Amino acid sequence: MALKKAVVTAEGFTVEYWRVNPSMSIDLVARTVDAGILVYKDAAARQAGHKPIRTMMVEGMDEVRSVRLAGQDFEDAIATGDFRAAMYTALKAKDFFAGSEDV
């Protein structure tokens, strides 16, 4: 699972494949889960094992370098056991990912 949205970097190349890092931090005491966002040129680059693009090169990326679930979002995700799906839902609610598609 990932999101597809084409964004032009400051250097002038396009990235379009956005993935929640599978290495997430789950805090059962604070009832939060956090994960970083990995950005690739495209799905083929990800599948070929290329390294993610540094997010500082992507304009507007500050607000979506990571994703956090807390409160009811955390409780819903823990009930289903699917934190990653809930994180993608949270990302799609952000203005940055308006118009993105699931891939």
Protein backbone atom coordinates (compact mmCIF):
# COMPACT_ATOMS: atom_id res chain seq x y z
CA MET A 1 0.00 0.00 0.00
CA ALA A 2 1.18 3.51 -0.84
CA LEU A 3 -0.07 6.83 -2.17
CA LYS A 4 0.59 8.19 -5.63
CA LYS A 5 0.85 11.94 -6.08
CA ALA A 6 3.27 13.68 -8.41
CA VAL A 7 5.27 16.50 -6.80
CA VAL A 8 8.19 18.38 -8.36
CA THR A 9 11.22 18.75 -6.07
CA ALA A 10 13.27 21.92 -5.66
CA GLU A 11 15.84 20.33 -8.00
CA GLY A 12 13.21 19.94 -10.73
CA PHE A 13 12.55 16.20 -10.77
CA THR A 14 9.26 14.53 -9.97
CA VAL A 15 8.55 12.13 -7.12
CA GLU A 16 5.24 10.33 -6.96
CA TYR A 17 5.35 7.29 -4.64
CA TRP A 18 4.69 7.92 -0.93
CA ARG A 19 4.94 5.08 1.57
CA VAL A 20 4.43 4.85 5.33
CA ASN A 21 7.64 3.43 6.80
CA PRO A 22 6.86 -0.07 8.09
CA SER A 23 9.14 0.63 11.08
CA MET A 24 6.73 2.44 13.35
CA SER A 25 6.86 3.41 17.00
CA ILE A 26 3.88 2.22 19.04
CA ASP A 27 3.44 3.65 22.54
CA LEU A 28 0.73 1.74 24.39
CA VAL A 29 0.99 4.00 27.44
CA ALA A 30 0.59 7.29 25.54
CA ARG A 31 -1.75 5.54 23.05
CA THR A 32 0.10 6.83 19.98
CA VAL A 33 1.78 5.36 16.94
CA ASP A 34 4.27 7.26 14.77
CA ALA A 35 5.91 6.47 11.45
CA GLY A 36 7.99 8.36 8.93
CA ILE A 37 7.03 8.84 5.30
CA LEU A 38 9.29 7.41 2.59
CA VAL A 39 9.27 9.11 -0.83
CA TYR A 40 10.40 7.49 -4.09
CA LYS A 41 10.61 8.64 -7.69
CA ASP A 42 7.96 6.05 -8.57
CA ALA A 43 6.75 2.54 -7.73
CA ALA A 44 9.36 0.97 -10.01
CA ALA A 45 12.17 2.69 -8.07
CA ARG A 46 10.74 1.40 -4.79
CA GLN A 47 10.37 -2.14 -6.12
CA ALA A 48 13.91 -2.06 -7.53
CA GLY A 49 15.23 -1.36 -4.03
CA HIS A 50 16.29 2.25 -4.60
CA LYS A 51 16.76 4.41 -1.54
CA PRO A 52 14.03 6.93 -0.67
CA ILE A 53 14.41 10.56 -1.73
CA ARG A 54 15.37 12.95 1.06
CA THR A 55 12.15 14.70 1.99
CA MET A 56 13.86 18.06 2.56
CA MET A 57 14.04 18.28 -1.23
CA VAL A 58 10.24 18.21 -1.57
CA GLU A 59 8.49 21.56 -1.22
CA GLY A 60 5.63 21.51 1.28
CA MET A 61 6.81 18.23 2.77
CA ASP A 62 7.35 19.69 6.25
CA GLU A 63 3.80 18.89 7.34
CA VAL A 64 3.96 15.28 6.19
CA ARG A 65 7.44 13.99 7.07
CA SER A 66 5.72 11.64 9.47
CA VAL A 67 2.26 10.56 10.51
CA ARG A 68 0.86 10.07 14.02
CA LEU A 69 -2.25 8.32 15.24
CA ALA A 70 -3.60 9.31 18.64
CA GLY A 71 -6.92 9.47 20.43
CA GLN A 72 -9.82 7.77 18.69
CA ASP A 73 -7.74 7.18 15.54
CA PHE A 74 -5.31 5.12 17.64
CA GLU A 75 -8.12 3.21 19.34
CA ASP A 76 -9.79 2.40 16.02
CA ALA A 77 -6.50 1.23 14.52
CA ILE A 78 -5.61 -0.97 17.48
CA ALA A 79 -9.10 -2.53 17.38
CA THR A 80 -8.58 -3.54 13.74
CA GLY A 81 -4.87 -4.31 14.16
CA ASP A 82 -4.08 -2.33 11.00
CA PHE A 83 -2.07 0.76 11.91
CA ARG A 84 -0.73 1.29 8.38
CA ALA A 85 -4.18 1.51 6.76
CA ALA A 86 -5.22 4.05 9.40
CA MET A 87 -2.05 6.04 8.77
CA TYR A 88 -2.80 6.24 5.04
CA THR A 89 -6.30 7.46 5.87
CA ALA A 90 -4.78 10.16 8.11
CA LEU A 91 -2.35 11.19 5.37
CA LYS A 92 -5.07 11.49 2.74
CA ALA A 93 -6.91 13.91 5.04
CA LYS A 94 -3.97 16.37 4.84
CA ASP A 95 -4.07 19.13 2.23
CA PHE A 96 -0.68 18.04 0.87
CA PHE A 97 -2.15 14.72 -0.30
CA ALA A 98 -5.34 16.13 -1.83
CA GLY A 99 -5.91 14.31 -5.10
CA SER A 100 -3.60 11.41 -4.25
CA GLU A 101 -4.57 7.87 -5.18
CA ASP A 102 -4.06 4.53 -3.45
CA VAL A 103 -1.54 2.24 -5.14
